Amino acid sequence: MIRNRIKEYRAKFDMKQEELAAKVGVRRETISNLEKGKYNPSLVLAWNIAKVFDVPIEKIFTVEN
C-alpha cells in the first residue's frame, strides 16, 4: 500500500484539490482519490506532485507492507 501526505502538503501551500489537479494535469477527483488511498499514482504523477511542492517523492509518498 502506498501512503501519502498530499492533503498535508496542500494545506501547507494553501492549495485546493482543483489547483493541484490543474498543475499536474489530472482531474480533481483523482487528487481526492489519492488522498483517500483509493488510488495509487503512477510514478510520473507521483513525481509531478512532488515537483509542485518542491520536495523529494519520499516526503509525500511512502510504501507500507
PDB file of N, CA and C in Angstrom:
ATOM      1  N   MET A   1       0.847  -1.178   0.000  1.00  0.00           N
ATOM      2  CA  MET A   1       0.000   0.000   0.000  1.00  0.00           C
ATOM      3  C   MET A   1       0.894   1.244   0.000  1.00  0.00           C
ATOM      4  N   ILE A   2       0.487   2.223  -0.739  1.00  0.00           N
ATOM      5  CA  ILE A   2       1.214   3.490  -0.783  1.00  0.00           C
ATOM      6  C   ILE A   2       0.440   4.515   0.039  1.00  0.00           C
ATOM      7  N   ARG A   3       1.105   5.063   1.025  1.00  0.00           N
ATOM      8  CA  ARG A   3       0.522   6.134   1.842  1.00  0.00           C
ATOM      9  C   ARG A   3       1.034   7.463   1.300  1.00  0.00           C
ATOM     10  N   ASN A   4       0.232   8.503   1.500  1.00  0.00           N
ATOM     11  CA  ASN A   4       0.694   9.800   1.015  1.00  0.00           C
ATOM     12  C   ASN A   4       0.324  10.914   1.982  1.00  0.00           C
ATOM     13  N   ARG A   5       1.001  12.031   1.799  1.00  0.00           N
ATOM     14  CA  ARG A   5       0.793  13.220   2.624  1.00  0.00           C
ATOM     15  C   ARG A   5       0.359  14.403   1.753  1.00  0.00           C
ATOM     16  N   ILE A   6      -0.375  14.106   0.681  1.00  0.00           N
ATOM     17  CA  ILE A   6      -0.791  15.151  -0.251  1.00  0.00           C
ATOM     18  C   ILE A   6      -1.634  16.201   0.451  1.00  0.00           C
ATOM     19  N   LYS A   7      -2.611  15.758   1.220  1.00  0.00           N
ATOM     20  CA  LYS A   7      -3.507  16.706   1.890  1.00  0.00           C
ATOM     21  C   LYS A   7      -2.724  17.630   2.822  1.00  0.00           C
ATOM     22  N   GLU A   8      -1.763  17.062   3.531  1.00  0.00           N
ATOM     23  CA  GLU A   8      -0.919  17.860   4.439  1.00  0.00           C
ATOM     24  C   GLU A   8      -0.118  18.911   3.670  1.00  0.00           C
ATOM     25  N   TYR A   9       0.455  18.514   2.549  1.00  0.00           N
ATOM     26  CA  TYR A   9       1.233  19.461   1.753  1.00  0.00           C
ATOM     27  C   TYR A   9       0.340  20.503   1.094  1.00  0.00           C
ATOM     28  N   ARG A  10      -0.843  20.097   0.664  1.00  0.00           N
ATOM     29  CA  ARG A  10      -1.767  21.094   0.104  1.00  0.00           C
ATOM     30  C   ARG A  10      -2.098  22.153   1.147  1.00  0.00           C
ATOM     31  N   ALA A  11      -2.301  21.719   2.392  1.00  0.00           N
ATOM     32  CA  ALA A  11      -2.621  22.668   3.471  1.00  0.00           C
ATOM     33  C   ALA A  11      -1.451  23.626   3.701  1.00  0.00           C
ATOM     34  N   LYS A  12      -0.227  23.091   3.683  1.00  0.00           N
ATOM     35  CA  LYS A  12       0.958  23.938   3.877  1.00  0.00           C
ATOM     36  C   LYS A  12       1.054  25.015   2.802  1.00  0.00           C
ATOM     37  N   PHE A  13       0.659  24.660   1.594  1.00  0.00           N
ATOM     38  CA  PHE A  13       0.752  25.580   0.462  1.00  0.00           C
ATOM     39  C   PHE A  13      -0.558  26.308   0.197  1.00  0.00           C
ATOM     40  N   ASP A  14      -1.545  26.093   1.077  1.00  0.00           N
ATOM     41  CA  ASP A  14      -2.859  26.716   0.933  1.00  0.00           C
ATOM     42  C   ASP A  14      -3.402  26.486  -0.483  1.00  0.00           C
ATOM     43  N   MET A  15      -3.415  25.223  -0.886  1.00  0.00           N
ATOM     44  CA  MET A  15      -3.785  24.850  -2.244  1.00  0.00           C
ATOM     45  C   MET A  15      -5.009  23.940  -2.226  1.00  0.00           C
ATOM     46  N   LYS A  16      -5.952  24.214  -3.094  1.00  0.00           N
ATOM     47  CA  LYS A  16      -7.140  23.380  -3.219  1.00  0.00           C
ATOM     48  C   LYS A  16      -6.840  22.185  -4.121  1.00  0.00           C
ATOM     49  N   GLN A  17      -7.666  21.156  -3.993  1.00  0.00           N
ATOM     50  CA  GLN A  17      -7.504  19.983  -4.848  1.00  0.00           C
ATOM     51  C   GLN A  17      -7.535  20.366  -6.321  1.00  0.00           C
ATOM     52  N   GLU A  18      -8.418  21.285  -6.674  1.00  0.00           N
ATOM     53  CA  GLU A  18      -8.536  21.708  -8.068  1.00  0.00           C
ATOM     54  C   GLU A  18      -7.240  22.323  -8.577  1.00  0.00           C
ATOM     55  N   GLU A  19      -6.596  23.116  -7.730  1.00  0.00           N
ATOM     56  CA  GLU A  19      -5.344  23.766  -8.133  1.00  0.00           C
ATOM     57  C   GLU A  19      -4.239  22.745  -8.364  1.00  0.00           C
ATOM     58  N   LEU A  20      -4.107  21.794  -7.430  1.00  0.00           N
ATOM     59  CA  LEU A  20      -3.081  20.764  -7.592  1.00  0.00           C
ATOM     60  C   LEU A  20      -3.368  19.928  -8.830  1.00  0.00           C
ATOM     61  N   ALA A  21      -4.622  19.566  -9.020  1.00  0.00           N
ATOM     62  CA  ALA A  21      -5.001  18.766 -10.188  1.00  0.00           C
ATOM     63  C   ALA A  21      -4.610  19.475 -11.487  1.00  0.00           C
ATOM     64  N   ALA A  22      -4.879  20.770 -11.556  1.00  0.00           N
ATOM     65  CA  ALA A  22      -4.535  21.534 -12.759  1.00  0.00           C
ATOM     66  C   ALA A  22      -3.030  21.566 -12.984  1.00  0.00           C
ATOM     67  N   LYS A  23      -2.271  21.685 -11.913  1.00  0.00           N
ATOM     68  CA  LYS A  23      -0.810  21.762 -12.034  1.00  0.00           C
ATOM     69  C   LYS A  23      -0.187  20.452 -12.513  1.00  0.00           C
ATOM     70  N   VAL A  24      -0.818  19.313 -12.174  1.00  0.00           N
ATOM     71  CA  VAL A  24      -0.248  18.020 -12.561  1.00  0.00           C
ATOM     72  C   VAL A  24      -1.004  17.342 -13.699  1.00  0.00           C
ATOM     73  N   GLY A  25      -2.050  18.006 -14.208  1.00  0.00           N
ATOM     74  CA  GLY A  25      -2.747  17.504 -15.386  1.00  0.00           C
ATOM     75  C   GLY A  25      -3.706  16.353 -15.156  1.00  0.00           C
ATOM     76  N   VAL A  26      -4.377  16.332 -13.993  1.00  0.00           N
ATOM     77  CA  VAL A  26      -5.388  15.316 -13.726  1.00  0.00           C
ATOM     78  C   VAL A  26      -6.673  15.995 -13.264  1.00  0.00           C
ATOM     79  N   ARG A  27      -7.720  15.218 -13.073  1.00  0.00           N
ATOM     80  CA  ARG A  27      -8.980  15.754 -12.575  1.00  0.00           C
ATOM     81  C   ARG A  27      -8.922  15.878 -11.050  1.00  0.00           C
ATOM     82  N   ARG A  28      -9.754  16.747 -10.498  1.00  0.00           N
ATOM     83  CA  ARG A  28      -9.818  16.924  -9.045  1.00  0.00           C
ATOM     84  C   ARG A  28     -10.147  15.613  -8.352  1.00  0.00           C
ATOM     85  N   GLU A  29     -10.997  14.802  -8.970  1.00  0.00           N
ATOM     86  CA  GLU A  29     -11.388  13.520  -8.381  1.00  0.00           C
ATOM     87  C   GLU A  29     -10.182  12.595  -8.192  1.00  0.00           C
ATOM     88  N   THR A  30      -9.223  12.696  -9.078  1.00  0.00           N
ATOM     89  CA  THR A  30      -8.014  11.884  -8.950  1.00  0.00           C
ATOM     90  C   THR A  30      -7.247  12.276  -7.700  1.00  0.00           C
ATOM     91  N   ILE A  31      -7.119  13.562  -7.449  1.00  0.00           N
ATOM     92  CA  ILE A  31      -6.433  14.029  -6.240  1.00  0.00           C
ATOM     93  C   ILE A  31      -7.204  13.574  -5.009  1.00  0.00           C
ATOM     94  N   SER A  32      -8.519  13.693  -5.043  1.00  0.00           N
ATOM     95  CA  SER A  32      -9.357  13.253  -3.930  1.00  0.00           C
ATOM     96  C   SER A  32      -9.160  11.764  -3.657  1.00  0.00           C
ATOM     97  N   ASN A  33      -9.178  10.964  -4.710  1.00  0.00           N
ATOM     98  CA  ASN A  33      -8.995   9.516  -4.546  1.00  0.00           C
ATOM     99  C   ASN A  33      -7.601   9.165  -4.048  1.00  0.00           C
ATOM    100  N   LEU A  34      -6.602   9.907  -4.491  1.00  0.00           N
ATOM    101  CA  LEU A  34      -5.245   9.694  -3.976  1.00  0.00           C
ATOM    102  C   LEU A  34      -5.201   9.964  -2.481  1.00  0.00           C
ATOM    103  N   GLU A  35      -5.771  11.075  -2.064  1.00  0.00           N
ATOM    104  CA  GLU A  35      -5.749  11.444  -0.649  1.00  0.00           C
ATOM    105  C   GLU A  35      -6.475  10.429   0.223  1.00  0.00           C
ATOM    106  N   LYS A  36      -7.522   9.824  -0.312  1.00  0.00           N
ATOM    107  CA  LYS A  36      -8.301   8.835   0.435  1.00  0.00           C
ATOM    108  C   LYS A  36      -7.686   7.440   0.380  1.00  0.00           C
ATOM    109  N   GLY A  37      -6.614   7.282  -0.396  1.00  0.00           N
ATOM    110  CA  GLY A  37      -5.972   5.979  -0.519  1.00  0.00           C
ATOM    111  C   GLY A  37      -6.707   5.014  -1.427  1.00  0.00           C
ATOM    112  N   LYS A  38      -7.601   5.536  -2.257  1.00  0.00           N
ATOM    113  CA  LYS A  38      -8.374   4.692  -3.168  1.00  0.00           C
ATOM    114  C   LYS A  38      -7.645   4.437  -4.482  1.00  0.00           C
ATOM    115  N   TYR A  39      -6.551   5.149  -4.684  1.00  0.00           N
ATOM    116  CA  TYR A  39      -5.865   5.108  -5.965  1.00  0.00           C
ATOM    117  C   TYR A  39      -4.377   5.273  -5.721  1.00  0.00           C
ATOM    118  N   ASN A  40      -3.572   4.446  -6.372  1.00  0.00           N
ATOM    119  CA  ASN A  40      -2.127   4.600  -6.307  1.00  0.00           C
ATOM    120  C   ASN A  40      -1.668   5.341  -7.552  1.00  0.00           C
ATOM    121  N   PRO A  41      -0.832   6.347  -7.372  1.00  0.00           N
ATOM    122  CA  PRO A  41      -0.417   7.139  -8.531  1.00  0.00           C
ATOM    123  C   PRO A  41       0.615   6.411  -9.388  1.00  0.00           C
ATOM    124  N   SER A  42       0.653   6.790 -10.639  1.00  0.00           N
ATOM    125  CA  SER A  42       1.749   6.333 -11.487  1.00  0.00           C
ATOM    126  C   SER A  42       3.020   7.016 -10.978  1.00  0.00           C
ATOM    127  N   LEU A  43       4.151   6.507 -11.377  1.00  0.00           N
ATOM    128  CA  LEU A  43       5.408   7.125 -10.976  1.00  0.00           C
ATOM    129  C   LEU A  43       5.499   8.558 -11.498  1.00  0.00           C
ATOM    130  N   VAL A  44       5.037   8.775 -12.710  1.00  0.00           N
ATOM    131  CA  VAL A  44       5.074  10.122 -13.298  1.00  0.00           C
ATOM    132  C   VAL A  44       4.195  11.077 -12.498  1.00  0.00           C
ATOM    133  N   LEU A  45       3.005  10.646 -12.126  1.00  0.00           N
ATOM    134  CA  LEU A  45       2.111  11.507 -11.348  1.00  0.00           C
ATOM    135  C   LEU A  45       2.706  11.794  -9.976  1.00  0.00           C
ATOM    136  N   ALA A  46       3.249  10.781  -9.327  1.00  0.00           N
ATOM    137  CA  ALA A  46       3.877  10.995  -8.016  1.00  0.00           C
ATOM    138  C   ALA A  46       5.031  11.989  -8.142  1.00  0.00           C
ATOM    139  N   TRP A  47       5.838  11.837  -9.168  1.00  0.00           N
ATOM    140  CA  TRP A  47       6.961  12.744  -9.425  1.00  0.00           C
ATOM    141  C   TRP A  47       6.466  14.178  -9.633  1.00  0.00           C
ATOM    142  N   ASN A  48       5.420  14.330 -10.430  1.00  0.00           N
ATOM    143  CA  ASN A  48       4.887  15.664 -10.721  1.00  0.00           C
ATOM    144  C   ASN A  48       4.298  16.325  -9.476  1.00  0.00           C
ATOM    145  N   ILE A  49       3.635  15.558  -8.642  1.00  0.00           N
ATOM    146  CA  ILE A  49       3.097  16.105  -7.391  1.00  0.00           C
ATOM    147  C   ILE A  49       4.240  16.565  -6.496  1.00  0.00           C
ATOM    148  N   ALA A  50       5.270  15.753  -6.375  1.00  0.00           N
ATOM    149  CA  ALA A  50       6.425  16.135  -5.559  1.00  0.00           C
ATOM    150  C   ALA A  50       7.083  17.402  -6.102  1.00  0.00           C
ATOM    151  N   LYS A  51       7.157  17.538  -7.428  1.00  0.00           N
ATOM    152  CA  LYS A  51       7.746  18.734  -8.031  1.00  0.00           C
ATOM    153  C   LYS A  51       6.946  19.983  -7.698  1.00  0.00           C
ATOM    154  N   VAL A  52       5.626  19.874  -7.670  1.00  0.00           N
ATOM    155  CA  VAL A  52       4.783  21.019  -7.335  1.00  0.00           C
ATOM    156  C   VAL A  52       5.145  21.547  -5.950  1.00  0.00           C
ATOM    157  N   PHE A  53       5.386  20.636  -5.016  1.00  0.00           N
ATOM    158  CA  PHE A  53       5.696  21.034  -3.643  1.00  0.00           C
ATOM    159  C   PHE A  53       7.196  21.190  -3.396  1.00  0.00           C
ATOM    160  N   ASP A  54       8.003  20.955  -4.440  1.00  0.00           N
ATOM    161  CA  ASP A  54       9.453  21.112  -4.381  1.00  0.00           C
ATOM    162  C   ASP A  54      10.084  20.283  -3.262  1.00  0.00           C
ATOM    163  N   VAL A  55       9.672  19.001  -3.200  1.00  0.00           N
ATOM    164  CA  VAL A  55      10.230  18.061  -2.225  1.00  0.00           C
ATOM    165  C   VAL A  55      10.498  16.733  -2.921  1.00  0.00           C
ATOM    166  N   PRO A  56      11.361  15.903  -2.344  1.00  0.00           N
ATOM    167  CA  PRO A  56      11.569  14.566  -2.908  1.00  0.00           C
ATOM    168  C   PRO A  56      10.283  13.732  -2.800  1.00  0.00           C
ATOM    169  N   ILE A  57      10.099  12.817  -3.706  1.00  0.00           N
ATOM    170  CA  ILE A  57       8.920  11.944  -3.697  1.00  0.00           C
ATOM    171  C   ILE A  57       8.719  11.296  -2.327  1.00  0.00           C
ATOM    172  N   GLU A  58       9.809  10.886  -1.694  1.00  0.00           N
ATOM    173  CA  GLU A  58       9.718  10.171  -0.418  1.00  0.00           C
ATOM    174  C   GLU A  58       9.102  11.009   0.697  1.00  0.00           C
ATOM    175  N   LYS A  59       9.101  12.320   0.556  1.00  0.00           N
ATOM    176  CA  LYS A  59       8.481  13.186   1.557  1.00  0.00           C
ATOM    177  C   LYS A  59       6.955  13.102   1.483  1.00  0.00           C
ATOM    178  N   ILE A  60       6.429  12.763   0.323  1.00  0.00           N
ATOM    179  CA  ILE A  60       4.984  12.710   0.130  1.00  0.00           C
ATOM    180  C   ILE A  60       4.457  11.281   0.089  1.00  0.00           C
ATOM    181  N   PHE A  61       5.179  10.393  -0.564  1.00  0.00           N
ATOM    182  CA  PHE A  61       4.713   9.019  -0.741  1.00  0.00           C
ATOM    183  C   PHE A  61       5.624   8.026  -0.026  1.00  0.00           C
ATOM    184  N   THR A  62       5.009   7.108   0.713  1.00  0.00           N
ATOM    185  CA  THR A  62       5.756   6.035   1.365  1.00  0.00           C
ATOM    186  C   THR A  62       5.060   4.711   1.088  1.00  0.00           C
ATOM    187  N   VAL A  63       5.839   3.658   0.980  1.00  0.00           N
ATOM    188  CA  VAL A  63       5.290   2.321   0.746  1.00  0.00           C
ATOM    189  C   VAL A  63       5.254   1.588   2.070  1.00  0.00           C
ATOM    190  N   GLU A  64       4.088   1.039   2.373  1.00  0.00           N
ATOM    191  CA  GLU A  64       3.918   0.256   3.594  1.00  0.00           C
ATOM    192  C   GLU A  64       3.532  -1.163   3.224  1.00  0.00           C
ATOM    193  N   ASN A  65       4.110  -2.113   3.908  1.00  0.00           N
ATOM    194  CA  ASN A  65       3.798  -3.534   3.633  1.00  0.00           C
ATOM    195  C   ASN A  65       2.636  -4.002   4.445  1.00  0.00           C
TER     196      ASN A  65
END
